[in-house]
Amino acid sequence: MRILGIAGLVLGLAVFGYLVASYLQEGTKIQETLQAAPGSPSPGQPGQPVDLTKRGLDQRLAPVLDQERQRVQDVNKAADQ
């Protein structure tokens, strides 16, 4: 019975370690995705550092949001006619 308890403990720790490692890896992927957002300088291109604050993200995503806002207004205008 002790062997089953130890095996269960080892298996539980292995699963926990896997979950922690995958969580940390996802955090790195999210960071890379945010840095590659539209309007950000490419990694090989010198320039300003990437601003990951809300204000910086709003500035970089403003053109995309403006296009989407215009598209929604056009659809609403067409639906009203």
PDB file of N, CA and C in Angstrom:
ATOM      1  N   MET A   1       0.815  -1.194   0.000  1.00  0.00           N
ATOM      2  CA  MET A   1       0.000   0.000   0.000  1.00  0.00           C
ATOM      3  C   MET A   1       0.859   1.257   0.000  1.00  0.00           C
ATOM      4  N   ARG A   2       1.988   1.184   0.680  1.00  0.00           N
ATOM      5  CA  ARG A   2       2.881   2.339   0.684  1.00  0.00           C
ATOM      6  C   ARG A   2       3.396   2.631  -0.707  1.00  0.00           C
ATOM      7  N   ILE A   3       3.673   1.570  -1.456  1.00  0.00           N
ATOM      8  CA  ILE A   3       4.197   1.750  -2.815  1.00  0.00           C
ATOM      9  C   ILE A   3       3.155   2.464  -3.675  1.00  0.00           C
ATOM     10  N   LEU A   4       1.877   2.092  -3.536  1.00  0.00           N
ATOM     11  CA  LEU A   4       0.818   2.764  -4.293  1.00  0.00           C
ATOM     12  C   LEU A   4       0.692   4.226  -3.864  1.00  0.00           C
ATOM     13  N   GLY A   5       0.843   4.500  -2.605  1.00  0.00           N
ATOM     14  CA  GLY A   5       0.793   5.878  -2.118  1.00  0.00           C
ATOM     15  C   GLY A   5       1.937   6.708  -2.666  1.00  0.00           C
ATOM     16  N   ILE A   6       3.137   6.135  -2.651  1.00  0.00           N
ATOM     17  CA  ILE A   6       4.307   6.846  -3.181  1.00  0.00           C
ATOM     18  C   ILE A   6       4.166   7.050  -4.686  1.00  0.00           C
ATOM     19  N   ALA A   7       3.689   6.014  -5.395  1.00  0.00           N
ATOM     20  CA  ALA A   7       3.492   6.136  -6.844  1.00  0.00           C
ATOM     21  C   ALA A   7       2.451   7.202  -7.151  1.00  0.00           C
ATOM     22  N   GLY A   8       1.385   7.255  -6.385  1.00  0.00           N
ATOM     23  CA  GLY A   8       0.368   8.289  -6.576  1.00  0.00           C
ATOM     24  C   GLY A   8       0.910   9.679  -6.316  1.00  0.00           C
ATOM     25  N   LEU A   9       1.738   9.802  -5.293  1.00  0.00           N
ATOM     26  CA  LEU A   9       2.354  11.084  -4.977  1.00  0.00           C
ATOM     27  C   LEU A   9       3.284  11.535  -6.100  1.00  0.00           C
ATOM     28  N   VAL A  10       4.100  10.620  -6.603  1.00  0.00           N
ATOM     29  CA  VAL A  10       5.017  10.945  -7.697  1.00  0.00           C
ATOM     30  C   VAL A  10       4.224  11.337  -8.941  1.00  0.00           C
ATOM     31  N   LEU A  11       3.169  10.579  -9.242  1.00  0.00           N
ATOM     32  CA  LEU A  11       2.342  10.892 -10.398  1.00  0.00           C
ATOM     33  C   LEU A  11       1.667  12.256 -10.235  1.00  0.00           C
ATOM     34  N   GLY A  12       1.171  12.552  -9.060  1.00  0.00           N
ATOM     35  CA  GLY A  12       0.553  13.847  -8.794  1.00  0.00           C
ATOM     36  C   GLY A  12       1.542  14.997  -8.955  1.00  0.00           C
ATOM     37  N   LEU A  13       2.753  14.812  -8.447  1.00  0.00           N
ATOM     38  CA  LEU A  13       3.779  15.851  -8.594  1.00  0.00           C
ATOM     39  C   LEU A  13       4.175  16.039 -10.049  1.00  0.00           C
ATOM     40  N   ALA A  14       4.226  14.936 -10.801  1.00  0.00           N
ATOM     41  CA  ALA A  14       4.565  15.033 -12.223  1.00  0.00           C
ATOM     42  C   ALA A  14       3.491  15.812 -12.978  1.00  0.00           C
ATOM     43  N   VAL A  15       2.233  15.540 -12.692  1.00  0.00           N
ATOM     44  CA  VAL A  15       1.136  16.261 -13.347  1.00  0.00           C
ATOM     45  C   VAL A  15       1.180  17.736 -12.953  1.00  0.00           C
ATOM     46  N   PHE A  16       1.397  18.012 -11.682  1.00  0.00           N
ATOM     47  CA  PHE A  16       1.489  19.390 -11.220  1.00  0.00           C
ATOM     48  C   PHE A  16       2.652  20.123 -11.900  1.00  0.00           C
ATOM     49  N   GLY A  17       3.799  19.475 -12.003  1.00  0.00           N
ATOM     50  CA  GLY A  17       4.956  20.077 -12.679  1.00  0.00           C
ATOM     51  C   GLY A  17       4.672  20.359 -14.140  1.00  0.00           C
ATOM     52  N   TYR A  18       3.989  19.429 -14.799  1.00  0.00           N
ATOM     53  CA  TYR A  18       3.629  19.625 -16.204  1.00  0.00           C
ATOM     54  C   TYR A  18       2.703  20.826 -16.363  1.00  0.00           C
ATOM     55  N   LEU A  19       1.715  20.942 -15.472  1.00  0.00           N
ATOM     56  CA  LEU A  19       0.792  22.070 -15.549  1.00  0.00           C
ATOM     57  C   LEU A  19       1.500  23.407 -15.323  1.00  0.00           C
ATOM     58  N   VAL A  20       2.403  23.450 -14.375  1.00  0.00           N
ATOM     59  CA  VAL A  20       3.148  24.681 -14.108  1.00  0.00           C
ATOM     60  C   VAL A  20       4.017  25.042 -15.303  1.00  0.00           C
ATOM     61  N   ALA A  21       4.706  24.063 -15.878  1.00  0.00           N
ATOM     62  CA  ALA A  21       5.577  24.327 -17.030  1.00  0.00           C
ATOM     63  C   ALA A  21       4.769  24.804 -18.232  1.00  0.00           C
ATOM     64  N   SER A  22       3.623  24.200 -18.492  1.00  0.00           N
ATOM     65  CA  SER A  22       2.817  24.625 -19.632  1.00  0.00           C
ATOM     66  C   SER A  22       2.240  26.014 -19.395  1.00  0.00           C
ATOM     67  N   TYR A  23       1.878  26.326 -18.155  1.00  0.00           N
ATOM     68  CA  TYR A  23       1.368  27.660 -17.833  1.00  0.00           C
ATOM     69  C   TYR A  23       2.448  28.717 -18.081  1.00  0.00           C
ATOM     70  N   LEU A  24       3.658  28.445 -17.661  1.00  0.00           N
ATOM     71  CA  LEU A  24       4.743  29.408 -17.867  1.00  0.00           C
ATOM     72  C   LEU A  24       5.063  29.567 -19.345  1.00  0.00           C
ATOM     73  N   GLN A  25       4.993  28.498 -20.099  1.00  0.00           N
ATOM     74  CA  GLN A  25       5.254  28.553 -21.531  1.00  0.00           C
ATOM     75  C   GLN A  25       4.176  29.385 -22.235  1.00  0.00           C
ATOM     76  N   GLU A  26       2.921  29.253 -21.835  1.00  0.00           N
ATOM     77  CA  GLU A  26       1.841  30.045 -22.422  1.00  0.00           C
ATOM     78  C   GLU A  26       2.043  31.528 -22.136  1.00  0.00           C
ATOM     79  N   GLY A  27       2.521  31.851 -20.942  1.00  0.00           N
ATOM     80  CA  GLY A  27       2.790  33.245 -20.617  1.00  0.00           C
ATOM     81  C   GLY A  27       3.829  33.848 -21.535  1.00  0.00           C
ATOM     82  N   THR A  28       4.829  33.068 -21.894  1.00  0.00           N
ATOM     83  CA  THR A  28       5.859  33.533 -22.815  1.00  0.00           C
ATOM     84  C   THR A  28       5.276  33.747 -24.200  1.00  0.00           C
ATOM     85  N   LYS A  29       4.403  32.840 -24.640  1.00  0.00           N
ATOM     86  CA  LYS A  29       3.787  32.975 -25.960  1.00  0.00           C
ATOM     87  C   LYS A  29       2.909  34.221 -26.021  1.00  0.00           C
ATOM     88  N   ILE A  30       2.174  34.494 -24.951  1.00  0.00           N
ATOM     89  CA  ILE A  30       1.322  35.678 -24.920  1.00  0.00           C
ATOM     90  C   ILE A  30       2.175  36.938 -25.002  1.00  0.00           C
ATOM     91  N   GLN A  31       3.280  36.966 -24.287  1.00  0.00           N
ATOM     92  CA  GLN A  31       4.185  38.111 -24.315  1.00  0.00           C
ATOM     93  C   GLN A  31       4.708  38.336 -25.724  1.00  0.00           C
ATOM     94  N   GLU A  32       5.116  37.271 -26.418  1.00  0.00           N
ATOM     95  CA  GLU A  32       5.618  37.386 -27.782  1.00  0.00           C
ATOM     96  C   GLU A  32       4.521  37.855 -28.725  1.00  0.00           C
ATOM     97  N   THR A  33       3.306  37.386 -28.521  1.00  0.00           N
ATOM     98  CA  THR A  33       2.186  37.792 -29.368  1.00  0.00           C
ATOM     99  C   THR A  33       1.899  39.277 -29.193  1.00  0.00           C
ATOM    100  N   LEU A  34       1.926  39.754 -27.963  1.00  0.00           N
ATOM    101  CA  LEU A  34       1.687  41.176 -27.723  1.00  0.00           C
ATOM    102  C   LEU A  34       2.777  42.027 -28.349  1.00  0.00           C
ATOM    103  N   GLN A  35       4.007  41.567 -28.325  1.00  0.00           N
ATOM    104  CA  GLN A  35       5.094  42.332 -28.909  1.00  0.00           C
ATOM    105  C   GLN A  35       5.030  42.327 -30.425  1.00  0.00           C
ATOM    106  N   ALA A  36       4.373  41.338 -31.022  1.00  0.00           N
ATOM    107  CA  ALA A  36       4.244  41.269 -32.466  1.00  0.00           C
ATOM    108  C   ALA A  36       2.926  41.856 -32.934  1.00  0.00           C
ATOM    109  N   ALA A  37       2.257  42.617 -32.098  1.00  0.00           N
ATOM    110  CA  ALA A  37       0.968  43.211 -32.443  1.00  0.00           C
ATOM    111  C   ALA A  37       1.143  44.240 -33.554  1.00  0.00           C
ATOM    112  N   PRO A  38       0.074  44.556 -34.299  1.00  0.00           N
ATOM    113  CA  PRO A  38       0.168  45.540 -35.378  1.00  0.00           C
ATOM    114  C   PRO A  38       0.682  46.873 -34.868  1.00  0.00           C
ATOM    115  N   GLY A  39       1.551  47.473 -35.634  1.00  0.00           N
ATOM    116  CA  GLY A  39       2.096  48.774 -35.278  1.00  0.00           C
ATOM    117  C   GLY A  39       3.342  48.709 -34.431  1.00  0.00           C
ATOM    118  N   SER A  40       3.717  47.538 -33.976  1.00  0.00           N
ATOM    119  CA  SER A  40       4.925  47.429 -33.164  1.00  0.00           C
ATOM    120  C   SER A  40       6.118  47.226 -34.086  1.00  0.00           C
ATOM    121  N   PRO A  41       7.270  47.723 -33.700  1.00  0.00           N
ATOM    122  CA  PRO A  41       8.450  47.529 -34.533  1.00  0.00           C
ATOM    123  C   PRO A  41       8.847  46.061 -34.563  1.00  0.00           C
ATOM    124  N   SER A  42       9.357  45.636 -35.700  1.00  0.00           N
ATOM    125  CA  SER A  42       9.787  44.244 -35.796  1.00  0.00           C
ATOM    126  C   SER A  42      11.034  44.038 -34.956  1.00  0.00           C
ATOM    127  N   PRO A  43      11.330  42.783 -34.555  1.00  0.00           N
ATOM    128  CA  PRO A  43      12.460  42.544 -33.652  1.00  0.00           C
ATOM    129  C   PRO A  43      13.802  43.016 -34.197  1.00  0.00           C
ATOM    130  N   GLY A  44      13.994  42.945 -35.502  1.00  0.00           N
ATOM    131  CA  GLY A  44      15.278  43.348 -36.071  1.00  0.00           C
ATOM    132  C   GLY A  44      15.362  44.825 -36.353  1.00  0.00           C
ATOM    133  N   GLN A  45      14.274  45.540 -36.196  1.00  0.00           N
ATOM    134  CA  GLN A  45      14.206  46.945 -36.535  1.00  0.00           C
ATOM    135  C   GLN A  45      14.413  47.794 -35.281  1.00  0.00           C
ATOM    136  N   PRO A  46      15.399  48.704 -35.307  1.00  0.00           N
ATOM    137  CA  PRO A  46      15.587  49.552 -34.132  1.00  0.00           C
ATOM    138  C   PRO A  46      14.444  50.546 -34.011  1.00  0.00           C
ATOM    139  N   GLY A  47      14.128  50.916 -32.817  1.00  0.00           N
ATOM    140  CA  GLY A  47      13.045  51.869 -32.590  1.00  0.00           C
ATOM    141  C   GLY A  47      12.691  51.922 -31.135  1.00  0.00           C
ATOM    142  N   GLN A  48      11.503  52.406 -30.880  1.00  0.00           N
ATOM    143  CA  GLN A  48      11.054  52.517 -29.511  1.00  0.00           C
ATOM    144  C   GLN A  48      10.770  51.135 -28.933  1.00  0.00           C
ATOM    145  N   PRO A  49      10.967  50.983 -27.637  1.00  0.00           N
ATOM    146  CA  PRO A  49      10.588  49.705 -27.022  1.00  0.00           C
ATOM    147  C   PRO A  49       9.075  49.546 -27.065  1.00  0.00           C
ATOM    148  N   VAL A  50       8.634  48.320 -27.071  1.00  0.00           N
ATOM    149  CA  VAL A  50       7.211  48.031 -27.151  1.00  0.00           C
ATOM    150  C   VAL A  50       6.540  48.405 -25.837  1.00  0.00           C
ATOM    151  N   ASP A  51       5.480  49.186 -25.934  1.00  0.00           N
ATOM    152  CA  ASP A  51       4.719  49.615 -24.761  1.00  0.00           C
ATOM    153  C   ASP A  51       3.557  48.655 -24.565  1.00  0.00           C
ATOM    154  N   LEU A  52       3.602  47.833 -23.506  1.00  0.00           N
ATOM    155  CA  LEU A  52       2.571  46.841 -23.264  1.00  0.00           C
ATOM    156  C   LEU A  52       1.509  47.316 -22.290  1.00  0.00           C
ATOM    157  N   THR A  53       1.480  48.609 -22.023  1.00  0.00           N
ATOM    158  CA  THR A  53       0.433  49.135 -21.153  1.00  0.00           C
ATOM    159  C   THR A  53      -0.856  49.271 -21.954  1.00  0.00           C
ATOM    160  N   LYS A  54      -1.944  49.563 -21.270  1.00  0.00           N
ATOM    161  CA  LYS A  54      -3.236  49.726 -21.947  1.00  0.00           C
ATOM    162  C   LYS A  54      -3.158  50.856 -22.961  1.00  0.00           C
ATOM    163  N   ARG A  55      -2.503  51.936 -22.598  1.00  0.00           N
ATOM    164  CA  ARG A  55      -2.381  53.075 -23.504  1.00  0.00           C
ATOM    165  C   ARG A  55      -1.582  52.700 -24.757  1.00  0.00           C
ATOM    166  N   GLY A  56      -0.505  51.959 -24.579  1.00  0.00           N
ATOM    167  CA  GLY A  56       0.311  51.545 -25.717  1.00  0.00           C
ATOM    168  C   GLY A  56      -0.431  50.600 -26.641  1.00  0.00           C
ATOM    169  N   LEU A  57      -1.171  49.662 -26.054  1.00  0.00           N
ATOM    170  CA  LEU A  57      -1.961  48.742 -26.878  1.00  0.00           C
ATOM    171  C   LEU A  57      -3.052  49.495 -27.624  1.00  0.00           C
ATOM    172  N   ASP A  58      -3.689  50.462 -26.968  1.00  0.00           N
ATOM    173  CA  ASP A  58      -4.724  51.257 -27.630  1.00  0.00           C
ATOM    174  C   ASP A  58      -4.143  52.021 -28.816  1.00  0.00           C
ATOM    175  N   GLN A  59      -2.959  52.565 -28.667  1.00  0.00           N
ATOM    176  CA  GLN A  59      -2.331  53.309 -29.756  1.00  0.00           C
ATOM    177  C   GLN A  59      -2.005  52.395 -30.939  1.00  0.00           C
ATOM    178  N   ARG A  60      -1.469  51.209 -30.649  1.00  0.00           N
ATOM    179  CA  ARG A  60      -1.084  50.302 -31.740  1.00  0.00           C
ATOM    180  C   ARG A  60      -2.293  49.703 -32.429  1.00  0.00           C
ATOM    181  N   LEU A  61      -3.368  49.479 -31.688  1.00  0.00           N
ATOM    182  CA  LEU A  61      -4.550  48.836 -32.260  1.00  0.00           C
ATOM    183  C   LEU A  61      -5.588  49.828 -32.763  1.00  0.00           C
ATOM    184  N   ALA A  62      -5.338  51.120 -32.609  1.00  0.00           N
ATOM    185  CA  ALA A  62      -6.301  52.134 -33.025  1.00  0.00           C
ATOM    186  C   ALA A  62      -6.682  52.017 -34.499  1.00  0.00           C
ATOM    187  N   PRO A  63      -5.738  51.825 -35.436  1.00  0.00           N
ATOM    188  CA  PRO A  63      -6.152  51.711 -36.845  1.00  0.00           C
ATOM    189  C   PRO A  63      -7.089  50.529 -37.096  1.00  0.00           C
ATOM    190  N   VAL A  64      -6.832  49.418 -36.476  1.00  0.00           N
ATOM    191  CA  VAL A  64      -7.682  48.239 -36.649  1.00  0.00           C
ATOM    192  C   VAL A  64      -9.060  48.498 -36.056  1.00  0.00           C
ATOM    193  N   LEU A  65      -9.091  49.099 -34.876  1.00  0.00           N
ATOM    194  CA  LEU A  65     -10.371  49.400 -34.233  1.00  0.00           C
ATOM    195  C   LEU A  65     -11.166  50.423 -35.030  1.00  0.00           C
ATOM    196  N   ASP A  66     -10.492  51.407 -35.622  1.00  0.00           N
ATOM    197  CA  ASP A  66     -11.186  52.403 -36.444  1.00  0.00           C
ATOM    198  C   ASP A  66     -11.795  51.762 -37.682  1.00  0.00           C
ATOM    199  N   GLN A  67     -11.070  50.838 -38.317  1.00  0.00           N
ATOM    200  CA  GLN A  67     -11.612  50.135 -39.484  1.00  0.00           C
ATOM    201  C   GLN A  67     -12.846  49.327 -39.097  1.00  0.00           C
ATOM    202  N   GLU A  68     -12.775  48.648 -37.982  1.00  0.00           N
ATOM    203  CA  GLU A  68     -13.911  47.835 -37.535  1.00  0.00           C
ATOM    204  C   GLU A  68     -15.100  48.720 -37.173  1.00  0.00           C
ATOM    205  N   ARG A  69     -14.843  49.843 -36.532  1.00  0.00           N
ATOM    206  CA  ARG A  69     -15.911  50.770 -36.176  1.00  0.00           C
ATOM    207  C   ARG A  69     -16.584  51.304 -37.444  1.00  0.00           C
ATOM    208  N   GLN A  70     -15.794  51.636 -38.466  1.00  0.00           N
ATOM    209  CA  GLN A  70     -16.332  52.117 -39.733  1.00  0.00           C
ATOM    210  C   GLN A  70     -17.170  51.031 -40.410  1.00  0.00           C
ATOM    211  N   ARG A  71     -16.711  49.797 -40.370  1.00  0.00           N
ATOM    212  CA  ARG A  71     -17.442  48.686 -40.977  1.00  0.00           C
ATOM    213  C   ARG A  71     -18.802  48.501 -40.295  1.00  0.00           C
ATOM    214  N   VAL A  72     -18.823  48.584 -38.967  1.00  0.00           N
ATOM    215  CA  VAL A  72     -20.075  48.434 -38.229  1.00  0.00           C
ATOM    216  C   VAL A  72     -21.024  49.576 -38.560  1.00  0.00           C
ATOM    217  N   GLN A  73     -20.513  50.790 -38.676  1.00  0.00           N
ATOM    218  CA  GLN A  73     -21.364  51.922 -39.028  1.00  0.00           C
ATOM    219  C   GLN A  73     -21.953  51.751 -40.423  1.00  0.00           C
ATOM    220  N   ASP A  74     -21.149  51.258 -41.368  1.00  0.00           N
ATOM    221  CA  ASP A  74     -21.646  51.020 -42.728  1.00  0.00           C
ATOM    222  C   ASP A  74     -22.744  49.962 -42.742  1.00  0.00           C
ATOM    223  N   VAL A  75     -22.560  48.909 -41.968  1.00  0.00           N
ATOM    224  CA  VAL A  75     -23.566  47.847 -41.909  1.00  0.00           C
ATOM    225  C   VAL A  75     -24.849  48.378 -41.273  1.00  0.00           C
ATOM    226  N   ASN A  76     -24.741  49.147 -40.220  1.00  0.00           N
ATOM    227  CA  ASN A  76     -25.927  49.727 -39.581  1.00  0.00           C
ATOM    228  C   ASN A  76     -26.646  50.687 -40.518  1.00  0.00           C
ATOM    229  N   LYS A  77     -25.879  51.494 -41.253  1.00  0.00           N
ATOM    230  CA  LYS A  77     -26.478  52.427 -42.195  1.00  0.00           C
ATOM    231  C   LYS A  77     -27.219  51.670 -43.300  1.00  0.00           C
ATOM    232  N   ALA A  78     -26.614  50.581 -43.806  1.00  0.00           N
ATOM    233  CA  ALA A  78     -27.253  49.782 -44.842  1.00  0.00           C
ATOM    234  C   ALA A  78     -28.511  49.084 -44.302  1.00  0.00           C
ATOM    235  N   ALA A  79     -28.494  48.677 -43.059  1.00  0.00           N
ATOM    236  CA  ALA A  79     -29.653  48.011 -42.471  1.00  0.00           C
ATOM    237  C   ALA A  79     -30.802  48.985 -42.250  1.00  0.00           C
ATOM    238  N   ASP A  80     -30.512  50.238 -41.969  1.00  0.00           N
ATOM    239  CA  ASP A  80     -31.545  51.239 -41.749  1.00  0.00           C
ATOM    240  C   ASP A  80     -32.245  51.647 -43.047  1.00  0.00           C
ATOM    241  N   GLN A  81     -31.586  51.479 -44.173  1.00  0.00           N
ATOM    242  CA  GLN A  81     -32.174  51.915 -45.468  1.00  0.00           C
ATOM    243  C   GLN A  81     -33.132  50.965 -45.999  1.00  0.00           C
TER     244      GLN A  81
END
